[in-house]
Every structure is written in C-alpha cells, then in structure tokens.
C-alpha cells in the first residue's frame, strides 16, 4: 500500500529562541496541519532571554527565567520539540537537516532561526575565571551566583547588555566600573542627546562610566581575574568582569549550505533566501528594510516575534513584504528606555519634554520626517510613536520643540483626508 501523500508541507525550524518558537506557534494558529519540528541546541525548555540581563540578575529574582510557552504547549500543538541537539548541515538537494546525534530530519520548508553569538574579546587574560559573557541561561546563572559574592564588577562595553548588568550589580551593592571604547554609551542605538542622559543616570547611581577606553588585557592571580588594563594605561581592580562588546550572527550553517551571508543570512523582503524553500528570521537575518531603504539585521524580541509571524504567514500562502515598525526596550534600574523606529547618525534629534524630570522623549527626523522616537519613562509617547510610524504620520520638528507639545495628543488627532 502506498503511503498517503502529505497535504501540507513539513516545516523544520532550526533554533528554539523567540523567533523559532513564534514560527511554530503562528503556523499552528494559522491552521497549518503538516509536521513541525523545532530544534533547540540548549537542553532547557525554550525560555525568555531579555530577563537574563535584567530581572534574572536582580536581588531576590526567581531561580529560572519564564518559559516562552508552557511545556504542554508543544505536544498539544503537535510540535516536535527537540532540545539539546544541534543542526550541523543542510542538504538542500535532498531537503534534509543533519543533526549532531547522527540523525537527519527531512523538510519541505526550512526556517533558520539560528540567532547570534557573543563577539569575543580577544585580549590576554580573557580566559581567566571570573570573566563572563551573557547570552544563555547558563551564562546568567553563573553570573548571578558570583554577583552575590563579589565586591566589584568591571563591565566592558556600554551597550544595552552592559548597562543592564551594571544596573543589576549596583542593586546588589557592588562597586561598578563600565569601560566603553566609543565616546558615549549606546553609540549605535540612541541619539547623542539620549546617550548623555543615560550616562548621567548611571553616574548618579554610583557607576563609574568611562568612555573612550577599551580593555587591552585582563590581570589575574592563580587563574582568577583581578582587574584589567585599559587602552589609556589605567589599571582597574575588579573581582568580576562582564564582557558585552556585541554579537555576531550565526551564519555557519547557511554559509556551508551555499546560501549568501553578509552580517547575517541574506534574505529578501519576504525573509526568504535565494533558495525558495529556506527562510531566515530574527537575529541571524539580514533583510531588506522598508524603513531605511537599505538592509538591516535587528536584535530585538519585537523583530524576532514579528518576523516569526511573517514567515508563518508566508508559508501559509500570504507572501508580502515585511514592513513591521521596529521597536526596542531596555530596563536599567529606574531608567526605562523604549525606542520605536530606526535612526541614522545623520538624523536630527529634537527633545520633547524636560530631561531634568527623568521623563522625556527624543524625536529623530530625516528630511523633516519622523523616523524614530526614544522615550525615557514615558510609555504613552512610545505607544504614540509606534502608531505614528506605522501610519507614516509626522509632526513638524519645530512643533515638537515647543513647550507643552504632546506626542500622545498629536497621535490622537484625526487625519484630514486630502
């Protein structure tokens, strides 16, 4: 008797992070009835990563980050979740994925949600005990165990992860020093006006933030880190170090399969690679961006979630360009930073509100058109910004600069046709 042909394609998702889980979830929610296999390299049930550098490190935090979905979700939705396995090869002609346990999984559609890895800091002493990176739950657990015993922390890199860890360490009462090679924190993420405010908040909280300095070597004793030497020749003592100098997308699997890679796996505006059976989503995907006119690779929960939903819809037959408005957030102690849109270094930044109050926004304009909004402790501005950017509406820069201007009120104004 001949086997009955499948009516719907079998989908294999490599990567069980936010993007990968969202693909599987959205496929089932959209009515897909074919096989779904979700492959995760880590042994745990897929979990939320953003809390790892925030709540998970805070005093009195729960012992484990929240799962992305309850354990029962996967069998109930007939999703074959395989944890603790790595994909090691793709046979595009035979449409199979080889795993490190010696088995292979067949696919009709393959989604690469391979994420990113921490960029290593290749300086002498980087392998000393007490020098940490932060990417996985295991990383966060190891760091949290040391935070409760340490007296001083050195953070290398004033990006989101570095500053979030610094804030958590200050809550534990540690002496904290942050070294940043650039002239200000969050140099690639926010405007100079916002970066100045963030730096001031951390310094007032007791963190020694030093910009224009990088680490050239770590010092140690008996195999344990004791400090670092910076590019200025200054020596810093610390019994704990966290390195946060960015990430690199995981493209090895795609590259070995002959797919184009360039700061990520190159995909079109539907998040599909040149092989029509293979998509890429999340931190590993370099996609055509409707908001900049160029190509971008974004690292955020929103991007992972929205791209996961988009790819699921495309597999279900809804091919269309990916146009979701990017947004981000970062909690650094009392500082709650939210960003909507994508800015460029040449954009004009206009403050809305009074930074002295600790509650204000910075609106970024390109050719007098609103392209991004950075908000501190003003969630209503963030919500309004996302609506305006999605609708393509923009206030005048001079209007934003006027005392009493409300982005929320502007977003509520009716749109006049014509």
Protein backbone atom coordinates (compact mmCIF):
# COMPACT_ATOMS: atom_id res chain seq x y z
CA UNK A 1 0.00 0.00 0.00
CA UNK A 2 1.42 3.37 -1.00
CA UNK A 3 1.82 5.92 1.80
CA UNK A 4 -0.69 8.72 1.74
CA UNK A 5 0.92 11.95 0.48
CA UNK A 6 1.07 14.85 2.90
CA UNK A 7 -1.39 17.61 2.12
CA UNK A 8 0.71 20.29 3.80
CA UNK A 9 4.47 20.79 3.87
CA UNK A 10 6.64 19.62 6.70
CA UNK A 11 8.42 22.55 8.36
CA UNK A 12 11.70 22.33 10.24
CA UNK A 13 12.79 25.28 12.37
CA UNK A 14 16.45 25.43 13.42
CA UNK A 15 16.61 27.47 16.63
CA UNK A 16 14.21 27.40 19.58
CA UNK A 17 14.51 31.00 20.68
CA UNK A 18 11.89 33.72 20.40
CA UNK A 19 11.79 33.71 16.58
CA UNK A 20 11.79 29.95 16.14
CA UNK A 21 9.07 29.30 18.70
CA UNK A 22 6.96 32.07 17.19
CA UNK A 23 7.17 30.50 13.73
CA UNK A 24 5.90 27.18 15.07
CA UNK A 25 3.18 28.81 17.17
CA UNK A 26 1.93 31.04 14.34
CA UNK A 27 1.87 28.14 11.88
CA UNK A 28 -0.45 26.13 14.10
CA UNK A 29 -2.55 29.20 14.93
CA UNK A 30 -2.87 29.88 11.19
CA UNK A 31 -4.21 26.40 10.53
CA UNK A 32 -1.10 24.59 9.30
CA UNK A 33 -1.69 20.86 9.75
CA UNK A 34 1.62 19.46 8.50
CA UNK A 35 4.55 18.26 10.61
CA UNK A 36 6.53 20.90 12.54
CA UNK A 37 9.93 20.13 14.04
CA UNK A 38 11.60 22.65 16.32
CA UNK A 39 15.31 22.13 17.03
CA UNK A 40 16.99 23.75 20.04
CA UNK A 41 20.67 23.47 20.93
CA UNK A 42 20.15 24.22 24.63
CA UNK A 43 18.82 21.43 26.88
CA UNK A 44 16.10 23.52 28.54
CA UNK A 45 12.56 24.27 27.52
CA UNK A 46 12.71 27.44 25.34
CA UNK A 47 12.79 30.47 27.62
CA UNK A 48 12.63 34.27 27.56
CA UNK A 49 16.07 35.83 27.08
CA UNK A 50 15.54 39.56 27.85
CA UNK A 51 15.22 38.99 31.64
CA UNK A 52 18.65 37.33 31.74
CA UNK A 53 20.42 40.70 31.94
CA UNK A 54 17.69 42.39 33.99
CA UNK A 55 15.26 40.68 36.38
CA UNK A 56 17.16 37.39 36.48
CA UNK A 57 20.21 39.14 37.94
CA UNK A 58 18.30 41.30 40.42
CA UNK A 59 18.34 40.58 44.15
CA UNK A 60 15.61 38.12 45.06
CA UNK A 61 14.95 37.11 41.44
CA UNK A 62 13.16 33.81 40.71
CA UNK A 63 15.52 30.91 40.04
CA UNK A 64 14.60 30.46 36.37
CA UNK A 65 13.50 32.72 33.50
CA UNK A 66 9.94 32.27 32.33
CA UNK A 67 9.41 29.77 29.50
CA UNK A 68 8.32 31.07 26.11
CA UNK A 69 5.47 28.56 26.16
CA UNK A 70 4.29 26.09 28.77
CA UNK A 71 5.75 22.59 28.47
CA UNK A 72 2.38 21.16 27.50
CA UNK A 73 2.06 23.60 24.58
CA UNK A 74 4.36 21.64 22.30
CA UNK A 75 2.66 18.22 22.47
CA UNK A 76 -0.78 19.83 22.46
CA UNK A 77 0.10 21.70 19.27
CA UNK A 78 1.82 18.63 17.77
CA UNK A 79 5.16 20.45 17.60
CA UNK A 80 8.08 18.06 17.75
CA UNK A 81 10.38 19.99 20.08
CA UNK A 82 13.88 18.53 20.25
CA UNK A 83 16.20 20.16 22.76
CA UNK A 84 19.90 19.59 23.27
CA UNK A 85 20.53 18.90 19.57
CA UNK A 86 22.44 20.96 17.01
CA UNK A 87 21.92 21.16 13.28
CA UNK A 88 25.30 20.55 11.63
CA UNK A 89 24.46 20.50 7.93
CA UNK A 90 21.81 21.18 5.31
CA UNK A 91 21.32 19.02 2.22
CA UNK A 92 19.40 21.42 0.02
CA UNK A 93 19.02 18.95 -2.85
CA UNK A 94 17.71 16.20 -0.58
CA UNK A 95 15.93 18.66 1.74
CA UNK A 96 17.24 17.26 5.00
CA UNK A 97 18.93 18.75 8.05
CA UNK A 98 21.73 16.71 9.62
CA UNK A 99 21.93 16.72 13.43
CA UNK A 100 24.88 16.22 15.74
CA UNK A 101 23.37 12.99 17.08
CA UNK A 102 23.87 11.37 13.68
CA UNK A 103 20.26 11.59 12.55
CA UNK A 104 18.67 13.74 9.84
CA UNK A 105 15.31 15.49 9.65
CA UNK A 106 13.50 15.92 6.30
CA UNK A 107 11.88 19.21 5.42
CA UNK A 108 9.70 20.77 2.74
CA UNK A 109 10.26 24.23 4.24
CA UNK A 110 13.24 25.15 6.42
CA UNK A 111 13.37 28.18 8.72
CA UNK A 112 16.76 29.26 10.06
CA UNK A 113 16.36 30.99 13.44
CA UNK A 114 19.96 30.40 14.50
CA UNK A 115 20.34 33.67 16.40
CA UNK A 116 23.67 35.22 17.29
CA UNK A 117 26.72 34.54 19.44
CA UNK A 118 28.65 36.90 21.70
CA UNK A 119 31.52 38.67 20.00
CA UNK A 120 34.70 37.51 21.79
CA UNK A 121 37.12 39.99 23.33
CA UNK A 122 40.44 38.60 22.19
CA UNK A 123 42.88 40.09 24.69
CA UNK A 124 45.31 38.46 27.13
CA UNK A 125 43.54 37.08 30.19
CA UNK A 126 40.12 36.75 28.54
CA UNK A 127 40.03 33.09 29.62
CA UNK A 128 40.52 33.81 33.32
CA UNK A 129 37.88 32.59 35.77
CA UNK A 130 35.52 35.41 36.68
CA UNK A 131 35.39 36.82 33.12
CA UNK A 132 31.83 36.31 31.91
CA UNK A 133 29.79 36.74 28.78
CA UNK A 134 25.99 36.77 28.88
CA UNK A 135 23.85 35.05 26.27
CA UNK A 136 22.23 31.92 27.71
CA UNK A 137 20.51 30.90 30.91
CA UNK A 138 23.66 29.00 31.90
CA UNK A 139 25.65 32.24 31.47
CA UNK A 140 23.16 34.18 33.57
CA UNK A 141 23.05 31.54 36.31
CA UNK A 142 26.84 31.54 36.59
CA UNK A 143 26.97 35.33 36.74
CA UNK A 144 24.17 35.60 39.30
CA UNK A 145 25.96 33.15 41.59
CA UNK A 146 29.03 35.37 41.53
CA UNK A 147 27.19 38.67 41.93
CA UNK A 148 26.09 37.73 45.44
CA UNK A 149 29.71 37.12 46.49
CA UNK A 150 31.58 39.81 44.55
CA UNK A 151 32.52 43.26 45.76
CA UNK A 152 33.43 44.92 42.47
CA UNK A 153 32.43 44.49 38.84
CA UNK A 154 34.06 45.69 35.64
CA UNK A 155 31.80 45.83 32.59
CA UNK A 156 33.41 46.01 29.16
CA UNK A 157 31.02 47.68 26.73
CA UNK A 158 28.26 50.22 27.38
CA UNK A 159 25.62 48.69 25.14
CA UNK A 160 22.23 47.52 26.36
CA UNK A 161 23.54 44.31 27.97
CA UNK A 162 26.48 46.03 29.67
CA UNK A 163 24.37 48.81 31.14
CA UNK A 164 21.60 46.46 32.25
CA UNK A 165 24.14 44.27 34.05
CA UNK A 166 25.73 47.36 35.60
CA UNK A 167 22.36 48.46 37.00
CA UNK A 168 21.69 44.99 38.40
CA UNK A 169 25.14 44.90 40.03
CA UNK A 170 24.59 48.28 41.67
CA UNK A 171 21.34 46.88 43.13
CA UNK A 172 23.50 44.17 44.73
CA UNK A 173 25.72 46.90 46.21
CA UNK A 174 28.79 46.23 44.06
CA UNK A 175 31.27 48.88 43.02
CA UNK A 176 30.78 49.06 39.25
CA UNK A 177 33.01 50.44 36.50
CA UNK A 178 31.97 50.43 32.85
CA UNK A 179 34.53 50.92 30.08
CA UNK A 180 33.29 51.91 26.62
CA UNK A 181 35.56 52.31 23.60
CA UNK A 182 33.26 54.87 21.95
CA UNK A 183 32.80 58.43 23.12
CA UNK A 184 29.39 57.71 24.66
CA UNK A 185 27.20 54.77 25.72
CA UNK A 186 24.72 53.15 23.34
CA UNK A 187 26.53 54.81 20.46
CA UNK A 188 24.86 52.66 17.80
CA UNK A 189 21.43 52.60 19.41
CA UNK A 190 20.36 56.09 20.51
CA UNK A 191 20.90 59.76 19.74
CA UNK A 192 23.66 61.73 21.39
CA UNK A 193 21.05 63.60 23.45
CA UNK A 194 19.64 60.37 24.85
CA UNK A 195 23.10 58.86 25.37
CA UNK A 196 24.07 61.84 27.53
CA UNK A 197 21.00 61.31 29.70
CA UNK A 198 21.65 57.58 30.07
CA UNK A 199 25.26 58.24 31.06
CA UNK A 200 24.15 60.79 33.66
CA UNK A 201 21.61 58.38 35.18
CA UNK A 202 24.23 55.65 35.63
CA UNK A 203 26.81 58.03 37.08
CA UNK A 204 24.30 59.41 39.57
CA UNK A 205 23.51 55.81 40.56
CA UNK A 206 27.17 55.34 41.50
CA UNK A 207 28.53 53.62 38.39
CA UNK A 208 31.92 54.84 37.13
CA UNK A 209 31.26 55.13 33.39
CA UNK A 210 34.42 55.80 31.38
CA UNK A 211 34.07 56.38 27.66
CA UNK A 212 36.91 56.39 25.15
CA UNK A 213 38.59 53.47 26.94
CA UNK A 214 38.82 49.85 25.91
CA UNK A 215 40.42 46.85 27.61
CA UNK A 216 43.79 45.68 26.29
CA UNK A 217 44.39 42.94 28.88
CA UNK A 218 42.92 41.32 31.95
CA UNK A 219 45.08 40.72 35.01
CA UNK A 220 44.76 37.75 37.30
CA UNK A 221 46.08 35.73 40.18
CA UNK A 222 46.02 31.92 40.42
CA UNK A 223 43.83 31.72 37.34
CA UNK A 224 41.24 34.19 38.64
CA UNK A 225 40.64 37.68 37.23
CA UNK A 226 41.73 40.58 39.46
CA UNK A 227 41.27 43.51 37.09
CA UNK A 228 42.09 44.97 33.70
CA UNK A 229 44.41 47.38 31.92
CA UNK A 230 42.75 49.88 29.60
CA UNK A 231 43.88 51.49 26.37
CA UNK A 232 44.91 54.58 28.35
CA UNK A 233 47.24 52.51 30.53
CA UNK A 234 44.94 52.83 33.54
CA UNK A 235 44.55 49.79 35.77
CA UNK A 236 41.18 48.80 37.20
CA UNK A 237 40.72 46.33 40.05
CA UNK A 238 37.73 44.00 39.92
CA UNK A 239 36.90 40.54 41.15
CA UNK A 240 34.22 40.03 38.50
CA UNK A 241 34.08 41.01 34.81
CA UNK A 242 31.28 41.00 32.22
CA UNK A 243 32.17 41.43 28.56
CA UNK A 244 29.43 42.86 26.34
CA UNK A 245 31.02 44.04 23.09
CA UNK A 246 28.30 43.00 20.68
CA UNK A 247 27.30 39.83 18.87
CA UNK A 248 27.92 38.09 15.57
CA UNK A 249 25.08 36.35 13.71
CA UNK A 250 25.22 32.58 13.50
CA UNK A 251 25.57 32.03 9.77
CA UNK A 252 27.83 28.97 9.66
CA UNK A 253 25.04 26.54 8.76
CA UNK A 254 23.72 28.76 5.97
CA UNK A 255 27.17 29.52 4.58
CA UNK A 256 28.12 25.83 4.47
CA UNK A 257 24.92 25.18 2.51
CA UNK A 258 25.90 27.78 -0.09
CA UNK A 259 23.41 30.46 0.99
CA UNK A 260 24.59 34.10 0.83
CA UNK A 261 25.71 35.65 4.12
CA UNK A 262 26.78 39.23 4.90
CA UNK A 263 26.36 40.32 8.51
CA UNK A 264 23.65 37.71 8.70
CA UNK A 265 21.84 35.36 6.36
CA UNK A 266 20.78 37.44 3.37
CA UNK A 267 17.01 37.35 2.76
CA UNK A 268 14.59 39.33 0.62
CA UNK A 269 11.71 41.49 1.82
CA UNK A 270 9.67 38.31 2.45
CA UNK A 271 12.52 36.94 4.65
CA UNK A 272 13.27 34.22 2.10
CA UNK A 273 16.76 33.20 0.99
CA UNK A 274 17.57 32.64 -2.71
CA UNK A 275 16.53 29.03 -2.05
CA UNK A 276 12.72 29.36 -2.07
CA UNK A 277 12.39 26.53 0.47
CA UNK A 278 14.52 28.29 3.10
CA UNK A 279 13.73 31.35 5.24
CA UNK A 280 15.76 33.13 7.94
CA UNK A 281 14.34 35.09 10.87
CA UNK A 282 15.43 37.00 13.95
CA UNK A 283 18.94 37.97 15.00
CA UNK A 284 20.55 35.98 12.18
CA UNK A 285 18.58 37.53 9.29
CA UNK A 286 19.86 40.43 7.20
CA UNK A 287 16.74 41.71 5.48
CA UNK A 288 15.65 44.43 3.11
CA UNK A 289 14.22 47.17 5.34
CA UNK A 290 11.27 49.32 4.30
CA UNK A 291 12.14 51.93 6.95
CA UNK A 292 15.72 52.72 5.91
CA UNK A 293 15.76 51.77 2.25
CA UNK A 294 18.77 49.55 2.91
CA UNK A 295 19.49 46.25 4.60
CA UNK A 296 19.49 45.70 8.35
CA UNK A 297 19.91 42.98 10.92
CA UNK A 298 17.94 43.64 14.09
CA UNK A 299 18.36 42.17 17.57
CA UNK A 300 15.11 42.52 19.47
CA UNK A 301 12.21 40.48 20.77
CA UNK A 302 9.79 42.50 18.63
CA UNK A 303 11.75 41.78 15.48
CA UNK A 304 12.02 38.07 16.30
CA UNK A 305 8.32 37.83 17.09
CA UNK A 306 7.07 39.83 14.12
CA UNK A 307 9.39 38.07 11.69
CA UNK A 308 8.29 34.71 13.07
CA UNK A 309 4.66 35.60 12.43
CA UNK A 310 5.52 36.94 8.99
CA UNK A 311 7.31 33.78 7.88
CA UNK A 312 4.48 31.60 9.17
CA UNK A 313 2.02 33.67 7.13
CA UNK A 314 4.25 33.36 4.07
CA UNK A 315 4.44 29.58 4.43
CA UNK A 316 0.65 29.55 4.68
CA UNK A 317 0.43 31.40 1.36
CA UNK A 318 0.48 35.05 2.40
CA UNK A 319 3.59 36.28 0.57
CA UNK A 320 4.15 40.02 1.10
CA UNK A 321 6.95 42.41 2.11
CA UNK A 322 7.94 42.54 5.78
CA UNK A 323 7.23 46.10 6.96
CA UNK A 324 6.76 45.91 10.74
CA UNK A 325 7.90 49.01 12.65
CA UNK A 326 10.96 48.04 14.77
CA UNK A 327 10.86 48.78 18.47
CA UNK A 328 13.13 48.01 21.41
CA UNK A 329 13.29 48.41 25.17
CA UNK A 330 15.87 48.37 27.94
CA UNK A 331 15.38 48.48 31.71
CA UNK A 332 18.42 49.83 33.57
CA UNK A 333 17.43 50.25 37.19
CA UNK A 334 14.97 53.13 37.38
CA UNK A 335 15.61 54.03 33.74
CA UNK A 336 13.01 52.55 31.38
CA UNK A 337 14.12 53.23 27.81
CA UNK A 338 11.83 52.48 24.86
CA UNK A 339 12.68 53.06 21.20
CA UNK A 340 10.43 52.96 18.16
CA UNK A 341 11.77 53.14 14.62
CA UNK A 342 15.32 53.21 13.27
CA UNK A 343 17.56 56.26 13.34
CA UNK A 344 20.71 57.08 11.41
CA UNK A 345 23.66 59.10 12.80
CA UNK A 346 22.81 61.97 10.45
CA UNK A 347 19.21 62.34 11.66
CA UNK A 348 18.11 65.47 13.52
CA UNK A 349 17.20 64.90 17.19
CA UNK A 350 14.59 67.09 18.93
CA UNK A 351 13.76 66.70 22.62
CA UNK A 352 10.13 66.53 23.71
CA UNK A 353 9.67 67.20 27.41
CA UNK A 354 12.20 68.09 30.08
CA UNK A 355 15.16 65.70 30.57
CA UNK A 356 15.64 67.11 34.09
CA UNK A 357 12.41 65.39 35.16
CA UNK A 358 13.69 61.98 34.03
CA UNK A 359 10.65 61.65 31.75
CA UNK A 360 11.09 62.82 28.17
CA UNK A 361 11.44 61.69 24.56
CA UNK A 362 13.78 62.43 21.69
CA UNK A 363 12.19 62.56 18.24
CA UNK A 364 14.52 61.81 15.34
CA UNK A 365 13.84 63.34 11.94
CA UNK A 366 15.21 62.62 8.48
CA UNK A 367 14.42 65.32 5.93
CA UNK A 368 11.82 66.67 8.40
CA UNK A 369 10.11 63.26 8.53
CA UNK A 370 9.77 61.38 11.83
CA UNK A 371 11.77 58.12 11.69
CA UNK A 372 12.35 57.20 15.35
CA UNK A 373 11.38 58.14 18.90
CA UNK A 374 13.42 57.38 22.03
CA UNK A 375 11.44 57.61 25.26
CA UNK A 376 12.54 57.50 28.90
CA UNK A 377 9.84 56.66 31.45
CA UNK A 378 7.14 57.91 29.02
CA UNK A 379 5.34 54.79 27.78
CA UNK A 380 2.50 56.84 26.30
CA UNK A 381 4.99 58.54 23.97
CA UNK A 382 6.29 55.14 22.90
CA UNK A 383 2.82 53.86 22.07
CA UNK A 384 2.07 57.06 20.15
CA UNK A 385 5.36 56.82 18.26
CA UNK A 386 4.65 53.30 17.10
CA UNK A 387 1.25 54.39 15.82
CA UNK A 388 2.64 57.42 14.00
CA UNK A 389 5.47 55.47 12.40
CA UNK A 390 3.12 52.71 11.27
CA UNK A 391 0.76 55.28 9.74
CA UNK A 392 3.54 57.37 8.20
CA UNK A 393 2.39 60.49 10.05
CA UNK A 394 4.86 63.07 11.28
CA UNK A 395 4.77 66.24 13.38
CA UNK A 396 6.86 69.21 12.37
CA UNK A 397 10.25 69.32 14.16
CA UNK A 398 9.61 72.91 15.30
CA UNK A 399 6.23 71.82 16.66
CA UNK A 400 7.86 69.07 18.72
CA UNK A 401 10.32 71.56 20.23
CA UNK A 402 7.54 73.81 21.53
CA UNK A 403 6.90 73.70 25.32
CA UNK A 404 3.90 71.58 26.17
CA UNK A 405 3.90 69.55 22.95
CA UNK A 406 2.39 66.08 23.49
CA UNK A 407 3.24 63.25 21.15
CA UNK A 408 0.30 61.31 22.57
CA UNK A 409 -2.14 64.13 21.79
CA UNK A 410 -0.72 64.56 18.30
CA UNK A 411 -1.19 60.87 17.57
CA UNK A 412 -4.84 61.16 18.65
CA UNK A 413 -5.59 63.98 16.21
CA UNK A 414 -7.86 62.91 13.36
CA UNK A 415 -6.24 62.52 9.97
CA UNK A 416 -7.64 65.02 7.49
CA UNK A 417 -8.06 63.48 4.04
CA UNK A 418 -6.55 65.30 1.07
